[in-house]
Amino acid sequence: MSGLHADALRVLRGWRAPGPAEEQLRRRYVTHLESRADGMWRASYPDHVTAGTLVVDATGDHVLLNLHRKAGRWFHFGGHAEEGDATLAAVALREAHEESGLTDLRFHPEPVQLDLHSVPFCGERGDVNHLDVRYVAAASPGAEAVVSDESLAVRWWPVDALPDLEPEMHALIARAREILPSPRV
């Protein structure tokens, strides 16, 4: 078992789900990792753990989203574990840095949401289930993001004028605003 795998298992075993649906997901993720030594890697089929970060601005009034090149939808930043990743949180933070260009992020070290979604473009084997572990981070005032190769666009969105998002993204944004209080508070 790799250090990353052990860390992910420790984090997910100890995570307190905010409700029954995510508790069911948490158990599924733990069972997956307990049964698959490769459970953190793309090689694990049809399920593998991914991680990502939702970035909010310093006021908490805007979120930074990327228009995913393959999905054609607006999402938080995230993706697959890589060999150099030591922890689950490191995967999420690396993805945020790589996909947004922002390096000065106030990163919340505990997951805030679990989401399982099927991905048809993750390889040649067919649909893959991403067992996504989501974190949040706040950007410094005036932070300017850049578009990575994985995105068609990156944009700050006002939380009261968001693009068409999946319900889980709205829940993630609400949790981020609770966890990362704005300077107004």
N, C-alpha and C. Protein backbone atom coordinates (compact mmCIF):
# COMPACT_ATOMS: atom_id res chain seq x y z
N MET A 1 0.85 -1.18 0.00
CA MET A 1 0.00 0.00 0.00
C MET A 1 0.90 1.24 0.00
N SER A 2 0.63 2.17 -0.89
CA SER A 2 1.42 3.40 -0.96
C SER A 2 1.03 4.34 0.18
N GLY A 3 1.89 5.33 0.41
CA GLY A 3 1.59 6.33 1.42
C GLY A 3 0.34 7.12 1.06
N LEU A 4 0.16 7.40 -0.23
CA LEU A 4 -1.03 8.11 -0.69
C LEU A 4 -2.28 7.29 -0.41
N HIS A 5 -2.23 6.01 -0.74
CA HIS A 5 -3.36 5.12 -0.49
C HIS A 5 -3.69 5.08 0.99
N ALA A 6 -2.67 4.93 1.84
CA ALA A 6 -2.88 4.87 3.29
C ALA A 6 -3.47 6.18 3.80
N ASP A 7 -2.97 7.31 3.28
CA ASP A 7 -3.50 8.60 3.70
C ASP A 7 -4.96 8.74 3.31
N ALA A 8 -5.30 8.38 2.08
CA ALA A 8 -6.69 8.49 1.61
C ALA A 8 -7.61 7.62 2.47
N LEU A 9 -7.15 6.43 2.78
CA LEU A 9 -7.96 5.54 3.62
C LEU A 9 -8.15 6.14 5.02
N ARG A 10 -7.09 6.70 5.59
CA ARG A 10 -7.18 7.33 6.91
C ARG A 10 -8.15 8.51 6.88
N VAL A 11 -8.01 9.36 5.87
CA VAL A 11 -8.87 10.55 5.75
C VAL A 11 -10.33 10.13 5.62
N LEU A 12 -10.60 9.18 4.75
CA LEU A 12 -11.99 8.79 4.50
C LEU A 12 -12.59 7.99 5.65
N ARG A 13 -11.79 7.21 6.34
CA ARG A 13 -12.31 6.51 7.53
C ARG A 13 -12.71 7.50 8.61
N GLY A 14 -11.98 8.59 8.74
CA GLY A 14 -12.23 9.55 9.80
C GLY A 14 -13.17 10.68 9.44
N TRP A 15 -13.51 10.82 8.15
CA TRP A 15 -14.35 11.93 7.72
C TRP A 15 -15.77 11.79 8.21
N ARG A 16 -16.34 12.87 8.72
CA ARG A 16 -17.73 12.89 9.18
C ARG A 16 -18.61 13.44 8.07
N ALA A 17 -19.39 12.58 7.50
CA ALA A 17 -20.28 12.98 6.40
C ALA A 17 -21.38 13.89 6.92
N PRO A 18 -21.77 14.90 6.15
CA PRO A 18 -22.82 15.81 6.59
C PRO A 18 -24.24 15.25 6.47
N GLY A 19 -24.38 14.09 5.85
CA GLY A 19 -25.71 13.50 5.70
C GLY A 19 -25.62 12.05 5.26
N PRO A 20 -26.76 11.36 5.22
CA PRO A 20 -26.78 9.93 4.89
C PRO A 20 -26.26 9.59 3.50
N ALA A 21 -26.54 10.42 2.51
CA ALA A 21 -26.09 10.11 1.14
C ALA A 21 -24.57 10.11 1.07
N GLU A 22 -23.95 11.12 1.67
CA GLU A 22 -22.49 11.16 1.64
C GLU A 22 -21.87 10.14 2.58
N GLU A 23 -22.57 9.76 3.62
CA GLU A 23 -22.07 8.68 4.48
C GLU A 23 -22.04 7.37 3.69
N GLN A 24 -23.05 7.14 2.89
CA GLN A 24 -23.07 5.95 2.04
C GLN A 24 -21.89 5.99 1.05
N LEU A 25 -21.63 7.16 0.47
CA LEU A 25 -20.49 7.30 -0.42
C LEU A 25 -19.18 7.07 0.33
N ARG A 26 -19.06 7.65 1.51
CA ARG A 26 -17.84 7.47 2.31
C ARG A 26 -17.55 5.99 2.53
N ARG A 27 -18.58 5.24 2.88
CA ARG A 27 -18.40 3.79 3.08
C ARG A 27 -17.98 3.11 1.79
N ARG A 28 -18.57 3.52 0.67
CA ARG A 28 -18.19 2.93 -0.62
C ARG A 28 -16.73 3.22 -0.94
N TYR A 29 -16.30 4.46 -0.71
CA TYR A 29 -14.91 4.83 -0.97
C TYR A 29 -13.96 4.00 -0.11
N VAL A 30 -14.29 3.86 1.18
CA VAL A 30 -13.44 3.09 2.10
C VAL A 30 -13.37 1.64 1.65
N THR A 31 -14.51 1.06 1.33
CA THR A 31 -14.54 -0.33 0.86
C THR A 31 -13.71 -0.48 -0.41
N HIS A 32 -13.84 0.47 -1.30
CA HIS A 32 -13.06 0.45 -2.54
C HIS A 32 -11.56 0.43 -2.22
N LEU A 33 -11.12 1.34 -1.38
CA LEU A 33 -9.69 1.42 -1.06
C LEU A 33 -9.21 0.20 -0.27
N GLU A 34 -10.06 -0.34 0.59
CA GLU A 34 -9.68 -1.55 1.34
C GLU A 34 -9.52 -2.76 0.43
N SER A 35 -10.25 -2.77 -0.67
CA SER A 35 -10.22 -3.93 -1.56
C SER A 35 -9.31 -3.76 -2.77
N ARG A 36 -8.83 -2.54 -3.01
CA ARG A 36 -8.03 -2.28 -4.21
C ARG A 36 -6.74 -1.53 -3.85
N ALA A 37 -5.63 -2.20 -3.95
CA ALA A 37 -4.34 -1.54 -3.70
C ALA A 37 -4.09 -0.43 -4.72
N ASP A 38 -4.68 -0.55 -5.91
CA ASP A 38 -4.52 0.47 -6.95
C ASP A 38 -5.70 1.44 -6.99
N GLY A 39 -6.49 1.49 -5.93
CA GLY A 39 -7.73 2.27 -5.90
C GLY A 39 -7.59 3.77 -6.08
N MET A 40 -6.36 4.29 -5.92
CA MET A 40 -6.12 5.72 -6.11
C MET A 40 -5.71 6.04 -7.55
N TRP A 41 -5.49 5.04 -8.37
CA TRP A 41 -4.90 5.24 -9.69
C TRP A 41 -5.90 5.00 -10.81
N ARG A 42 -5.64 5.62 -11.95
CA ARG A 42 -6.47 5.43 -13.15
C ARG A 42 -6.60 3.96 -13.52
N ALA A 43 -5.59 3.17 -13.19
CA ALA A 43 -5.60 1.75 -13.54
C ALA A 43 -6.75 1.01 -12.87
N SER A 44 -7.26 1.53 -11.78
CA SER A 44 -8.36 0.89 -11.07
C SER A 44 -9.65 1.11 -11.86
N TYR A 45 -10.25 0.03 -12.30
CA TYR A 45 -11.43 0.10 -13.15
C TYR A 45 -12.52 -0.81 -12.58
N PRO A 46 -13.74 -0.37 -12.51
CA PRO A 46 -14.30 0.85 -13.09
C PRO A 46 -14.28 2.06 -12.14
N ASP A 47 -13.80 1.88 -10.90
CA ASP A 47 -13.79 2.99 -9.94
C ASP A 47 -12.36 3.39 -9.61
N HIS A 48 -12.12 4.69 -9.42
CA HIS A 48 -10.90 5.16 -8.80
C HIS A 48 -11.16 6.51 -8.11
N VAL A 49 -10.35 6.76 -7.08
CA VAL A 49 -10.51 7.98 -6.29
C VAL A 49 -9.84 9.14 -7.02
N THR A 50 -10.53 10.27 -7.07
CA THR A 50 -10.00 11.51 -7.58
C THR A 50 -10.15 12.57 -6.49
N ALA A 51 -9.53 13.72 -6.69
CA ALA A 51 -9.66 14.79 -5.69
C ALA A 51 -9.63 16.13 -6.39
N GLY A 52 -10.26 17.11 -5.77
CA GLY A 52 -10.29 18.43 -6.36
C GLY A 52 -10.55 19.51 -5.33
N THR A 53 -10.50 20.75 -5.82
CA THR A 53 -10.65 21.92 -4.97
C THR A 53 -11.56 22.95 -5.63
N LEU A 54 -12.51 23.43 -4.86
CA LEU A 54 -13.30 24.59 -5.27
C LEU A 54 -12.60 25.82 -4.71
N VAL A 55 -12.31 26.78 -5.58
CA VAL A 55 -11.65 28.02 -5.17
C VAL A 55 -12.68 29.13 -5.07
N VAL A 56 -12.68 29.82 -3.93
CA VAL A 56 -13.54 30.99 -3.73
C VAL A 56 -12.65 32.22 -3.63
N ASP A 57 -13.21 33.40 -3.90
CA ASP A 57 -12.39 34.60 -3.77
C ASP A 57 -12.31 35.03 -2.31
N ALA A 58 -11.53 36.06 -2.06
CA ALA A 58 -11.29 36.51 -0.69
C ALA A 58 -12.55 36.99 0.01
N THR A 59 -13.56 37.42 -0.76
CA THR A 59 -14.80 37.90 -0.16
C THR A 59 -15.81 36.78 0.07
N GLY A 60 -15.64 35.66 -0.62
CA GLY A 60 -16.62 34.58 -0.56
C GLY A 60 -17.79 34.82 -1.49
N ASP A 61 -17.74 35.89 -2.27
CA ASP A 61 -18.86 36.23 -3.16
C ASP A 61 -18.70 35.70 -4.58
N HIS A 62 -17.52 35.14 -4.90
CA HIS A 62 -17.26 34.60 -6.23
C HIS A 62 -16.57 33.25 -6.12
N VAL A 63 -16.82 32.40 -7.10
CA VAL A 63 -16.13 31.12 -7.18
C VAL A 63 -15.42 31.05 -8.52
N LEU A 64 -14.28 30.39 -8.52
CA LEU A 64 -13.50 30.22 -9.74
C LEU A 64 -13.80 28.84 -10.30
N LEU A 65 -14.35 28.81 -11.50
CA LEU A 65 -14.71 27.55 -12.14
C LEU A 65 -13.99 27.43 -13.47
N ASN A 66 -13.81 26.18 -13.90
CA ASN A 66 -13.20 25.95 -15.21
C ASN A 66 -14.19 25.24 -16.10
N LEU A 67 -14.20 25.66 -17.35
CA LEU A 67 -15.02 25.00 -18.36
C LEU A 67 -14.20 23.83 -18.87
N HIS A 68 -14.54 22.65 -18.38
CA HIS A 68 -13.75 21.44 -18.64
C HIS A 68 -13.75 21.12 -20.13
N ARG A 69 -12.54 20.93 -20.66
CA ARG A 69 -12.36 20.72 -22.09
C ARG A 69 -13.13 19.50 -22.59
N LYS A 70 -13.07 18.38 -21.88
CA LYS A 70 -13.71 17.15 -22.36
C LYS A 70 -15.20 17.09 -22.02
N ALA A 71 -15.57 17.58 -20.85
CA ALA A 71 -16.97 17.50 -20.43
C ALA A 71 -17.82 18.64 -21.01
N GLY A 72 -17.17 19.78 -21.30
CA GLY A 72 -17.93 20.92 -21.81
C GLY A 72 -18.85 21.53 -20.77
N ARG A 73 -18.49 21.38 -19.48
CA ARG A 73 -19.30 21.92 -18.37
C ARG A 73 -18.39 22.64 -17.39
N TRP A 74 -19.00 23.51 -16.59
CA TRP A 74 -18.27 24.23 -15.56
C TRP A 74 -18.15 23.38 -14.30
N PHE A 75 -16.93 23.29 -13.79
CA PHE A 75 -16.65 22.49 -12.59
C PHE A 75 -15.62 23.20 -11.71
N HIS A 76 -15.42 22.62 -10.53
CA HIS A 76 -14.27 22.97 -9.70
C HIS A 76 -13.03 22.34 -10.34
N PHE A 77 -11.86 22.58 -9.78
CA PHE A 77 -10.62 22.01 -10.32
C PHE A 77 -10.40 20.65 -9.68
N GLY A 78 -9.97 19.67 -10.49
CA GLY A 78 -9.73 18.36 -9.90
C GLY A 78 -9.25 17.35 -10.91
N GLY A 79 -8.88 16.19 -10.37
CA GLY A 79 -8.43 15.13 -11.25
C GLY A 79 -7.76 13.98 -10.53
N HIS A 80 -6.91 13.31 -11.26
CA HIS A 80 -6.30 12.05 -10.83
C HIS A 80 -5.03 12.25 -10.00
N ALA A 81 -4.77 11.26 -9.16
CA ALA A 81 -3.53 11.22 -8.39
C ALA A 81 -2.36 10.98 -9.34
N GLU A 82 -1.21 11.52 -8.96
CA GLU A 82 0.02 11.31 -9.72
C GLU A 82 1.08 10.77 -8.77
N GLU A 83 2.13 10.17 -9.33
CA GLU A 83 3.16 9.51 -8.54
C GLU A 83 3.75 10.36 -7.42
N GLY A 84 3.92 11.65 -7.63
CA GLY A 84 4.54 12.49 -6.61
C GLY A 84 3.61 12.94 -5.49
N ASP A 85 2.32 12.62 -5.58
CA ASP A 85 1.35 13.06 -4.57
C ASP A 85 1.48 12.22 -3.30
N ALA A 86 1.72 12.88 -2.17
CA ALA A 86 1.89 12.16 -0.91
C ALA A 86 0.58 11.97 -0.15
N THR A 87 -0.37 12.89 -0.37
CA THR A 87 -1.64 12.82 0.38
C THR A 87 -2.81 13.13 -0.55
N LEU A 88 -3.98 12.79 -0.09
CA LEU A 88 -5.20 13.10 -0.82
C LEU A 88 -5.36 14.62 -0.97
N ALA A 89 -5.09 15.35 0.11
CA ALA A 89 -5.16 16.81 0.05
C ALA A 89 -4.14 17.36 -0.96
N ALA A 90 -2.98 16.74 -1.06
CA ALA A 90 -1.95 17.19 -2.01
C ALA A 90 -2.44 17.02 -3.45
N VAL A 91 -3.20 15.97 -3.72
CA VAL A 91 -3.78 15.78 -5.06
C VAL A 91 -4.70 16.95 -5.36
N ALA A 92 -5.60 17.25 -4.42
CA ALA A 92 -6.57 18.32 -4.62
C ALA A 92 -5.89 19.68 -4.80
N LEU A 93 -4.89 19.96 -3.99
CA LEU A 93 -4.21 21.25 -4.07
C LEU A 93 -3.38 21.35 -5.36
N ARG A 94 -2.69 20.28 -5.74
CA ARG A 94 -1.92 20.28 -6.99
C ARG A 94 -2.83 20.56 -8.18
N GLU A 95 -3.98 19.89 -8.21
CA GLU A 95 -4.93 20.10 -9.30
C GLU A 95 -5.39 21.56 -9.35
N ALA A 96 -5.65 22.16 -8.20
CA ALA A 96 -6.06 23.56 -8.17
C ALA A 96 -4.96 24.46 -8.71
N HIS A 97 -3.73 24.21 -8.31
CA HIS A 97 -2.59 25.01 -8.80
C HIS A 97 -2.44 24.85 -10.31
N GLU A 98 -2.42 23.60 -10.77
CA GLU A 98 -2.20 23.32 -12.20
C GLU A 98 -3.30 23.89 -13.09
N GLU A 99 -4.53 23.74 -12.67
CA GLU A 99 -5.65 24.09 -13.54
C GLU A 99 -6.09 25.55 -13.44
N SER A 100 -5.67 26.24 -12.36
CA SER A 100 -6.06 27.65 -12.21
C SER A 100 -4.88 28.60 -12.37
N GLY A 101 -3.67 28.09 -12.17
CA GLY A 101 -2.50 28.95 -12.19
C GLY A 101 -2.29 29.70 -10.89
N LEU A 102 -3.20 29.55 -9.94
CA LEU A 102 -3.08 30.24 -8.65
C LEU A 102 -2.20 29.41 -7.70
N THR A 103 -1.23 30.07 -7.10
CA THR A 103 -0.35 29.36 -6.17
C THR A 103 -0.53 29.80 -4.73
N ASP A 104 -1.15 30.96 -4.51
CA ASP A 104 -1.35 31.47 -3.16
C ASP A 104 -2.79 31.22 -2.74
N LEU A 105 -3.05 30.00 -2.26
CA LEU A 105 -4.40 29.62 -1.85
C LEU A 105 -4.42 29.28 -0.36
N ARG A 106 -5.46 29.74 0.32
CA ARG A 106 -5.67 29.36 1.72
C ARG A 106 -6.52 28.09 1.67
N PHE A 107 -5.84 26.94 1.82
CA PHE A 107 -6.44 25.63 1.58
C PHE A 107 -7.00 25.06 2.88
N HIS A 108 -8.26 24.65 2.85
CA HIS A 108 -8.88 23.98 4.00
C HIS A 108 -8.46 22.52 3.96
N PRO A 109 -7.81 22.00 5.01
CA PRO A 109 -7.16 20.69 4.93
C PRO A 109 -8.08 19.46 5.01
N GLU A 110 -9.35 19.66 5.28
CA GLU A 110 -10.27 18.53 5.38
C GLU A 110 -11.24 18.53 4.20
N PRO A 111 -11.63 17.34 3.72
CA PRO A 111 -12.63 17.30 2.65
C PRO A 111 -13.94 17.94 3.10
N VAL A 112 -14.67 18.49 2.15
CA VAL A 112 -15.98 19.07 2.47
C VAL A 112 -17.12 18.38 1.73
N GLN A 113 -16.80 17.56 0.74
CA GLN A 113 -17.85 16.88 0.00
C GLN A 113 -17.29 15.66 -0.72
N LEU A 114 -18.14 14.64 -0.82
CA LEU A 114 -17.85 13.47 -1.66
C LEU A 114 -18.88 13.44 -2.77
N ASP A 115 -18.42 13.07 -3.96
CA ASP A 115 -19.34 12.99 -5.09
C ASP A 115 -18.88 11.88 -6.03
N LEU A 116 -19.77 10.99 -6.37
CA LEU A 116 -19.48 9.93 -7.33
C LEU A 116 -20.12 10.30 -8.65
N HIS A 117 -19.31 10.32 -9.70
CA HIS A 117 -19.87 10.61 -11.02
C HIS A 117 -19.21 9.73 -12.07
N SER A 118 -20.00 9.35 -13.04
CA SER A 118 -19.53 8.52 -14.13
C SER A 118 -18.91 9.40 -15.20
N VAL A 119 -17.77 8.95 -15.73
CA VAL A 119 -17.03 9.73 -16.72
C VAL A 119 -16.82 8.87 -17.95
N PRO A 120 -17.40 9.26 -19.08
CA PRO A 120 -17.28 8.46 -20.30
C PRO A 120 -15.97 8.68 -21.05
N PHE A 121 -15.19 9.70 -20.70
CA PHE A 121 -14.01 10.05 -21.48
C PHE A 121 -12.70 9.83 -20.72
N CYS A 122 -12.71 8.95 -19.74
CA CYS A 122 -11.53 8.75 -18.90
C CYS A 122 -10.64 7.61 -19.39
N GLY A 123 -10.90 7.09 -20.52
CA GLY A 123 -10.06 6.02 -21.05
C GLY A 123 -10.82 5.22 -22.08
N GLU A 124 -10.16 4.23 -22.60
CA GLU A 124 -10.75 3.41 -23.66
C GLU A 124 -11.60 2.26 -23.14
N ARG A 125 -11.60 2.04 -21.83
CA ARG A 125 -12.33 0.89 -21.27
C ARG A 125 -13.82 1.13 -21.14
N GLY A 126 -14.27 2.35 -21.35
CA GLY A 126 -15.67 2.68 -21.16
C GLY A 126 -15.84 3.58 -19.95
N ASP A 127 -17.07 3.76 -19.53
CA ASP A 127 -17.35 4.65 -18.40
C ASP A 127 -16.56 4.24 -17.16
N VAL A 128 -16.06 5.25 -16.48
CA VAL A 128 -15.31 5.09 -15.24
C VAL A 128 -16.04 5.88 -14.16
N ASN A 129 -16.03 5.37 -12.94
CA ASN A 129 -16.62 6.11 -11.83
C ASN A 129 -15.52 6.84 -11.07
N HIS A 130 -15.63 8.16 -11.02
CA HIS A 130 -14.72 8.96 -10.21
C HIS A 130 -15.32 9.06 -8.82
N LEU A 131 -14.59 8.56 -7.84
CA LEU A 131 -14.97 8.68 -6.44
C LEU A 131 -14.29 9.96 -5.96
N ASP A 132 -14.94 11.08 -6.19
CA ASP A 132 -14.32 12.39 -6.02
C ASP A 132 -14.39 12.87 -4.58
N VAL A 133 -13.24 13.34 -4.07
CA VAL A 133 -13.12 13.92 -2.74
C VAL A 133 -12.83 15.40 -2.96
N ARG A 134 -13.71 16.25 -2.44
CA ARG A 134 -13.64 17.68 -2.76
C ARG A 134 -13.24 18.51 -1.54
N TYR A 135 -12.31 19.42 -1.79
CA TYR A 135 -11.79 20.35 -0.80
C TYR A 135 -12.16 21.77 -1.24
N VAL A 136 -11.87 22.75 -0.38
CA VAL A 136 -12.08 24.15 -0.73
C VAL A 136 -10.85 24.96 -0.37
N ALA A 137 -10.68 26.08 -1.07
CA ALA A 137 -9.58 27.00 -0.80
C ALA A 137 -10.03 28.41 -1.15
N ALA A 138 -9.44 29.39 -0.46
CA ALA A 138 -9.71 30.79 -0.75
C ALA A 138 -8.50 31.40 -1.45
N ALA A 139 -8.77 32.17 -2.48
CA ALA A 139 -7.72 32.86 -3.22
C ALA A 139 -7.42 34.20 -2.56
N SER A 140 -6.22 34.69 -2.79
CA SER A 140 -5.82 36.02 -2.30
C SER A 140 -6.60 37.09 -3.05
N PRO A 141 -6.79 38.25 -2.44
CA PRO A 141 -7.46 39.35 -3.15
C PRO A 141 -6.75 39.67 -4.46
N GLY A 142 -7.53 39.87 -5.50
CA GLY A 142 -6.99 40.24 -6.80
C GLY A 142 -6.35 39.09 -7.58
N ALA A 143 -6.51 37.87 -7.12
CA ALA A 143 -5.90 36.71 -7.79
C ALA A 143 -6.42 36.60 -9.21
N GLU A 144 -5.50 36.39 -10.15
CA GLU A 144 -5.86 36.25 -11.56
C GLU A 144 -5.51 34.85 -12.03
N ALA A 145 -6.50 34.12 -12.46
CA ALA A 145 -6.31 32.74 -12.90
C ALA A 145 -5.92 32.70 -14.37
N VAL A 146 -5.37 31.56 -14.76
CA VAL A 146 -5.02 31.31 -16.15
C VAL A 146 -5.69 30.02 -16.62
N VAL A 147 -5.85 29.89 -17.90
CA VAL A 147 -6.47 28.70 -18.48
C VAL A 147 -5.40 27.64 -18.71
N SER A 148 -5.66 26.43 -18.26
CA SER A 148 -4.73 25.32 -18.48
C SER A 148 -5.15 24.56 -19.74
N ASP A 149 -4.34 23.58 -20.10
CA ASP A 149 -4.65 22.74 -21.26
C ASP A 149 -5.93 21.91 -21.06
N GLU A 150 -6.33 21.73 -19.80
CA GLU A 150 -7.50 20.90 -19.51
C GLU A 150 -8.81 21.67 -19.57
N SER A 151 -8.72 22.98 -19.74
CA SER A 151 -9.91 23.82 -19.72
C SER A 151 -10.08 24.60 -21.01
N LEU A 152 -11.32 24.92 -21.31
CA LEU A 152 -11.62 25.83 -22.41
C LEU A 152 -11.63 27.27 -21.90
N ALA A 153 -11.96 27.43 -20.62
CA ALA A 153 -12.01 28.76 -20.01
C ALA A 153 -11.91 28.60 -18.50
N VAL A 154 -11.49 29.65 -17.84
CA VAL A 154 -11.49 29.74 -16.38
C VAL A 154 -12.10 31.10 -16.06
N ARG A 155 -13.05 31.11 -15.13
CA ARG A 155 -13.76 32.37 -14.88
C ARG A 155 -14.23 32.47 -13.44
N TRP A 156 -14.15 33.69 -12.89
CA TRP A 156 -14.75 34.00 -11.60
C TRP A 156 -16.24 34.24 -11.82
N TRP A 157 -17.06 33.52 -11.06
CA TRP A 157 -18.52 33.67 -11.17
C TRP A 157 -19.08 34.21 -9.85
N PRO A 158 -19.97 35.21 -9.92
CA PRO A 158 -20.66 35.63 -8.69
C PRO A 158 -21.55 34.48 -8.21
N VAL A 159 -21.58 34.27 -6.90
CA VAL A 159 -22.37 33.14 -6.40
C VAL A 159 -23.87 33.32 -6.64
N ASP A 160 -24.29 34.55 -6.91
CA ASP A 160 -25.71 34.77 -7.21
C ASP A 160 -26.00 34.80 -8.71
N ALA A 161 -25.01 34.45 -9.54
CA ALA A 161 -25.20 34.42 -11.00
C ALA A 161 -24.33 33.32 -11.60
N LEU A 162 -24.51 32.12 -11.11
CA LEU A 162 -23.70 30.98 -11.54
C LEU A 162 -24.18 30.41 -12.88
N PRO A 163 -23.29 29.75 -13.61
CA PRO A 163 -23.73 29.07 -14.83
C PRO A 163 -24.54 27.84 -14.45
N ASP A 164 -25.02 27.12 -15.44
CA ASP A 164 -25.75 25.87 -15.21
C ASP A 164 -24.80 24.87 -14.57
N LEU A 165 -25.08 24.50 -13.32
CA LEU A 165 -24.24 23.57 -12.57
C LEU A 165 -25.06 22.41 -12.06
N GLU A 166 -24.37 21.32 -11.78
CA GLU A 166 -25.02 20.18 -11.15
C GLU A 166 -25.37 20.54 -9.70
N PRO A 167 -26.43 19.94 -9.14
CA PRO A 167 -26.84 20.27 -7.76
C PRO A 167 -25.70 20.11 -6.75
N GLU A 168 -24.84 19.12 -6.95
CA GLU A 168 -23.74 18.90 -6.01
C GLU A 168 -22.77 20.08 -5.98
N MET A 169 -22.62 20.75 -7.12
CA MET A 169 -21.74 21.93 -7.15
C MET A 169 -22.33 23.07 -6.32
N HIS A 170 -23.65 23.22 -6.36
CA HIS A 170 -24.28 24.26 -5.54
C HIS A 170 -24.08 23.96 -4.05
N ALA A 171 -24.21 22.69 -3.69
CA ALA A 171 -23.98 22.30 -2.30
C ALA A 171 -22.52 22.55 -1.90
N LEU A 172 -21.59 22.24 -2.79
CA LEU A 172 -20.17 22.47 -2.52
C LEU A 172 -19.89 23.96 -2.32
N ILE A 173 -20.47 24.80 -3.15
CA ILE A 173 -20.28 26.24 -3.03
C ILE A 173 -20.83 26.74 -1.69
N ALA A 174 -22.00 26.28 -1.30
CA ALA A 174 -22.58 26.69 -0.02
C ALA A 174 -21.69 26.27 1.14
N ARG A 175 -21.16 25.05 1.10
CA ARG A 175 -20.27 24.59 2.17
C ARG A 175 -18.98 25.39 2.20
N ALA A 176 -18.45 25.71 1.03
CA ALA A 176 -17.21 26.50 0.96
C ALA A 176 -17.41 27.86 1.63
N ARG A 177 -18.54 28.46 1.39
CA ARG A 177 -18.81 29.79 1.97
C ARG A 177 -19.00 29.71 3.48
N GLU A 178 -19.45 28.56 3.98
CA GLU A 178 -19.57 28.39 5.43
C GLU A 178 -18.20 28.15 6.07
N ILE A 179 -17.37 27.39 5.39
CA ILE A 179 -16.07 26.98 5.95
C ILE A 179 -15.03 28.09 5.85
N LEU A 180 -15.03 28.81 4.75
CA LEU A 180 -14.04 29.87 4.52
C LEU A 180 -14.72 31.22 4.66
N PRO A 181 -14.89 31.68 5.89
CA PRO A 181 -15.62 32.93 6.08
C PRO A 181 -14.93 34.11 5.40
N SER A 182 -15.74 35.00 4.89
CA SER A 182 -15.21 36.18 4.21
C SER A 182 -14.72 37.19 5.23
N PRO A 183 -13.93 38.16 4.79
CA PRO A 183 -13.45 39.21 5.68
C PRO A 183 -14.56 40.04 6.30
N ARG A 184 -15.76 40.03 5.70
CA ARG A 184 -16.89 40.82 6.24
C ARG A 184 -17.34 40.28 7.58
N VAL A 185 -17.11 39.00 7.84
CA VAL A 185 -17.64 38.35 9.04
C VAL A 185 -16.87 38.79 10.27
